[in-house]
Protein backbone atom coordinates (compact mmCIF):
# COMPACT_ATOMS: atom_id res chain seq x y z
CA MET A 1 67.91 124.43 128.90
CA ASN A 2 64.94 124.59 130.97
CA GLN A 3 61.94 126.38 128.55
CA LEU A 4 60.70 127.57 132.17
CA ASN A 5 63.91 129.25 133.16
CA LYS A 6 64.24 131.81 130.41
CA VAL A 7 62.78 135.31 131.07
CA ALA A 8 63.05 138.25 128.93
CA ILE A 9 62.89 142.03 129.67
CA GLY A 10 61.55 144.17 127.04
CA ILE A 11 63.18 147.54 126.35
CA ASP A 12 61.44 149.78 123.78
CA SER A 13 63.16 150.98 120.64
CA THR A 14 66.48 149.86 119.43
CA CYS A 15 70.00 149.13 120.85
CA SER A 16 71.65 147.84 117.34
CA ALA A 17 75.35 150.02 116.32
CA GLY A 18 74.07 153.18 114.89
CA LYS A 19 70.43 153.20 116.31
CA ASP A 20 70.01 154.83 119.53
CA SER A 21 67.71 153.04 122.60
CA GLY A 22 65.66 156.24 123.57
CA SER A 23 62.73 155.45 125.28
CA SER A 24 62.06 153.92 128.33
CA ALA A 25 62.50 150.10 129.78
CA ASN A 26 59.62 148.49 129.75
CA THR A 27 59.47 147.70 133.68
CA GLN A 28 57.16 149.49 136.15
CA GLY A 29 58.43 151.44 138.77
CA ALA A 30 61.94 152.21 140.10
CA VAL A 31 63.88 149.04 141.21
CA ALA A 32 67.10 149.18 143.41
CA MET A 33 70.20 146.96 143.45
CA PRO A 34 70.33 144.52 146.03
CA ALA A 35 72.86 145.84 148.11
CA HIS A 36 76.44 143.47 148.62
CA LEU A 37 75.56 142.41 145.11
CA HIS A 38 78.56 141.01 142.96
CA LEU A 39 77.57 141.87 139.37
CA ILE A 40 80.26 141.39 136.81
CA PRO A 41 79.24 143.37 133.37
CA THR A 42 80.92 141.13 130.98
CA ILE A 43 81.75 142.41 127.51
CA LEU A 44 81.68 140.03 124.48
CA CYS A 45 84.23 141.61 122.31
CA GLY A 46 85.55 140.38 118.75
CA GLY A 47 84.13 140.17 115.14
CA ALA A 48 85.99 139.85 111.47
CA GLY A 49 85.71 143.35 110.55
CA SER A 50 84.13 142.30 107.15
CA ARG A 51 80.47 143.90 107.80
CA LEU A 52 81.30 147.48 107.47
CA TRP A 53 84.52 147.36 105.39
CA PRO A 54 87.08 149.32 104.86
CA VAL A 55 85.84 151.38 107.79
CA SER A 56 86.10 148.16 110.24
CA ARG A 57 88.91 145.20 109.35
CA GLU A 58 89.86 142.09 110.83
CA LEU A 59 92.30 143.82 113.24
CA HIS A 60 89.96 147.29 113.79
CA PRO A 61 86.19 145.70 114.28
CA LYS A 62 82.95 147.81 114.63
CA PRO A 63 83.71 147.29 118.73
CA PHE A 64 86.81 149.84 117.93
CA ILE A 65 84.91 152.14 115.16
CA ARG A 66 84.76 156.00 116.93
CA LEU A 67 81.61 157.91 116.87
CA ALA A 68 81.03 161.90 116.52
CA ASP A 69 81.54 162.26 120.16
CA GLY A 70 85.51 160.45 119.96
CA GLN A 71 84.26 157.73 121.97
CA SER A 72 84.09 154.07 120.50
CA LEU A 73 81.13 151.65 120.53
CA LEU A 74 83.33 149.43 122.86
CA GLN A 75 84.48 152.07 125.16
CA LYS A 76 80.62 153.09 125.63
CA ALA A 77 80.02 149.33 126.23
CA TYR A 78 82.17 149.84 128.94
CA LEU A 79 80.98 152.82 130.11
CA ARG A 80 78.06 151.40 130.59
CA GLY A 81 78.75 148.76 132.26
CA ALA A 82 80.93 150.49 135.05
CA GLN A 83 78.42 153.42 135.60
CA LEU A 84 75.72 150.28 137.00
CA PRO A 85 75.98 150.92 141.09
CA SER A 86 77.88 148.52 142.88
CA VAL A 87 79.96 147.75 139.62
CA SER A 88 83.92 147.54 140.51
CA HIS A 89 84.92 144.85 138.21
CA ILE A 90 84.84 144.68 133.99
CA MET A 91 85.42 141.39 132.76
CA THR A 92 86.00 140.92 128.40
CA VAL A 93 86.35 138.14 126.10
CA THR A 94 88.16 138.90 123.33
CA ASN A 95 91.16 137.06 121.21
CA ARG A 96 94.87 137.82 121.45
CA ASP A 97 95.12 139.79 118.34
CA LEU A 98 92.73 142.99 120.45
CA PHE A 99 93.54 142.23 123.82
CA PHE A 100 96.12 145.52 124.15
CA LYS A 101 93.96 147.31 121.89
CA THR A 102 91.25 146.81 123.93
CA GLU A 103 93.05 147.62 127.03
CA ASP A 104 94.02 150.56 125.41
CA GLU A 105 90.40 151.73 124.91
CA PHE A 106 89.33 150.89 128.28
CA ARG A 107 92.45 153.11 129.60
CA GLU A 108 90.93 156.21 127.93
CA VAL A 109 88.01 156.04 130.06
CA ASN A 110 88.60 154.09 132.99
CA ALA A 111 87.50 156.79 135.32
CA THR A 112 86.24 154.97 138.08
CA LYS A 113 89.63 153.07 138.10
CA ALA A 114 87.28 149.52 137.84
CA SER A 115 89.48 146.71 137.66
CA THR A 116 89.42 144.45 134.57
CA SER A 117 90.22 141.20 133.01
CA PHE A 118 89.64 139.45 130.28
CA ILE A 119 89.18 135.88 128.93
CA LEU A 120 91.57 135.04 125.42
CA GLU A 121 90.30 133.18 123.35
CA PRO A 122 92.19 131.25 120.83
CA LEU A 123 89.50 130.90 118.17
CA GLY A 124 86.00 132.86 117.88
CA ARG A 125 83.40 130.52 118.70
CA ASN A 126 80.06 132.84 118.81
CA THR A 127 78.12 133.61 121.92
CA ALA A 128 77.63 130.42 123.64
CA PRO A 129 80.92 128.84 124.40
CA ALA A 130 82.49 132.77 125.00
CA ILE A 131 79.21 132.73 127.31
CA ALA A 132 80.57 129.52 128.87
CA ALA A 133 84.08 130.79 129.92
CA ALA A 134 82.89 133.50 131.24
CA ALA A 135 80.62 132.19 133.70
CA LEU A 136 82.90 129.54 134.80
CA GLN A 137 85.77 132.03 135.63
CA VAL A 138 83.13 134.27 137.61
CA ALA A 139 82.10 131.46 139.43
CA GLN A 140 85.98 130.88 139.88
CA MET A 141 86.72 134.45 140.97
CA HIS A 142 83.50 135.69 142.54
CA GLY A 143 81.31 132.31 143.59
CA SER A 144 78.68 130.89 142.08
CA ASN A 145 75.67 133.58 142.82
CA ALA A 146 77.65 136.37 141.00
CA ILE A 147 75.61 138.09 138.52
CA LEU A 148 76.68 138.50 134.88
CA LEU A 149 75.49 141.09 132.80
CA VAL A 150 76.69 139.87 128.98
CA LEU A 151 77.10 142.86 126.80
CA ALA A 152 77.63 143.48 123.21
CA ALA A 153 80.86 145.46 122.45
CA ASP A 154 78.79 147.08 119.71
CA HIS A 155 75.76 148.68 120.91
CA LEU A 156 74.64 152.15 120.96
CA ILE A 157 72.12 153.00 124.02
CA ALA A 158 71.37 156.33 124.20
CA ASP A 159 69.49 155.97 127.46
CA GLN A 160 71.33 154.97 130.50
CA ALA A 161 69.12 155.38 132.71
CA ALA A 162 66.41 153.10 131.19
CA PHE A 163 69.03 150.79 130.73
CA GLN A 164 69.99 150.66 134.06
CA GLN A 165 66.00 150.10 135.24
CA ALA A 166 65.94 147.36 132.96
CA VAL A 167 69.38 145.60 134.51
CA PHE A 168 67.82 145.99 138.19
CA LYS A 169 64.45 144.24 137.36
CA ALA A 170 66.82 141.80 135.38
CA VAL A 171 68.95 141.15 138.35
CA GLU A 172 66.18 140.67 140.73
CA LEU A 173 64.98 138.33 138.10
CA ALA A 174 68.58 136.20 137.91
CA GLN A 175 68.92 135.56 141.86
CA GLN A 176 65.44 134.23 141.63
CA GLY A 177 67.71 131.62 139.25
CA LYS A 178 65.98 132.65 136.17
CA LEU A 179 68.15 133.20 132.66
CA VAL A 180 67.35 136.61 131.56
CA THR A 181 67.44 137.94 128.07
CA PHE A 182 67.17 140.88 126.97
CA GLY A 183 64.58 141.61 124.29
CA ILE A 184 63.98 145.38 122.46
CA GLN A 185 60.35 145.98 121.00
CA PRO A 186 60.47 145.81 117.22
CA ASP A 187 59.16 149.16 115.15
CA ALA A 188 59.30 147.37 112.29
CA PRO A 189 59.82 144.21 110.31
CA GLU A 190 63.49 144.05 110.31
CA THR A 191 64.69 141.05 108.89
CA GLY A 192 68.24 141.55 109.91
CA TYR A 193 67.80 140.83 113.80
CA GLY A 194 66.92 137.61 115.85
CA TYR A 195 63.76 137.19 117.29
CA ILE A 196 61.97 136.02 121.06
CA GLU A 197 58.87 134.83 121.10
CA SER A 198 57.72 135.39 124.44
CA GLU A 199 54.59 135.63 126.72
CA GLY A 200 54.52 138.35 129.10
CA ASN A 201 58.28 137.45 130.33
CA ARG A 202 58.47 134.47 130.05
CA VAL A 203 60.40 133.44 126.48
CA LEU A 204 58.85 130.44 124.28
CA ARG A 205 61.38 130.64 121.77
CA PHE A 206 64.04 132.23 120.16
CA VAL A 207 64.24 132.64 116.46
CA GLU A 208 66.78 133.70 113.74
CA LYS A 209 66.67 135.77 111.45
CA PRO A 210 63.29 135.86 109.38
CA SER A 211 61.99 136.54 105.66
CA ILE A 212 59.98 139.72 105.32
CA ASP A 213 56.67 138.09 105.58
CA LYS A 214 57.36 136.26 108.30
CA ALA A 215 59.15 139.28 110.21
CA LYS A 216 55.55 141.11 109.19
CA GLU A 217 53.53 138.13 111.18
CA TYR A 218 55.79 138.66 114.07
CA LEU A 219 55.44 142.36 114.43
CA ALA A 220 51.79 142.22 113.96
CA SER A 221 51.58 139.30 116.23
CA GLY A 222 52.78 141.57 119.46
CA ARG A 223 54.51 138.69 120.81
CA PHE A 224 57.89 139.00 119.64
CA LEU A 225 60.85 140.87 120.76
CA TRP A 226 64.17 141.86 118.80
CA ASN A 227 67.36 139.75 120.46
CA SER A 228 69.28 142.27 121.68
CA GLY A 229 72.30 139.82 122.60
CA ILE A 230 72.11 141.27 125.90
CA PHE A 231 72.08 138.40 128.81
CA CYS A 232 71.64 138.65 132.96
CA PHE A 233 72.25 135.15 135.40
CA ALA A 234 73.60 133.83 138.22
CA ALA A 235 76.94 132.31 137.38
CA GLY A 236 76.15 128.47 138.75
CA THR A 237 72.73 128.87 137.42
CA MET A 238 74.18 129.05 133.65
CA LEU A 239 76.69 126.49 134.50
CA GLU A 240 73.94 123.95 135.51
CA GLN A 241 71.87 124.60 132.74
CA MET A 242 74.47 123.83 130.17
């Protein structure tokens, strides 16, 4: 991909499963969602169900875990996308074993009656192939200018208003042909997350989970964000870059 075409949006605190994102997004002023926009939240829902065993299992992975309020992480991801202005359709990339379970989860919380579509992977091949399949599908359904907002199925974000402001800014950049990734302002030298090195909003590189010494170095530099796994781009832009 063209290095100059990738930009980062910073969000304070964390949005990983089990941790709240409670602070405001790193954007300046209110940004409105453009009119007549095709914004398609796209949820990536999979997992081996091994990390939190026995609470999560192969056929009941982490996104389906119910929290204290009765909602699952997957339902919260669905609502996070459905509550954005102008959204009337949610796409989900999952697998055949989880399809009916995912449909049931969405049906419980679909108060807006947003339409849904699914891409069912025969085998899990991680994020890049899932995003490629979603971009192809969205381009065919809604045109190459349609914007995808790629969401993980296992995040917990407490401040929806701050998240929406970050999305509005990301959409603005995506409409300019940018590939946007959401970074999280780190507050500790965490070795379990990937990092994004950035200069302003420009992405310099992605770094996989570092050693503790490297993580401390990244935190002290002020140039690194945690990689949230949330992305925003026009379908056509992503397909051109692949």
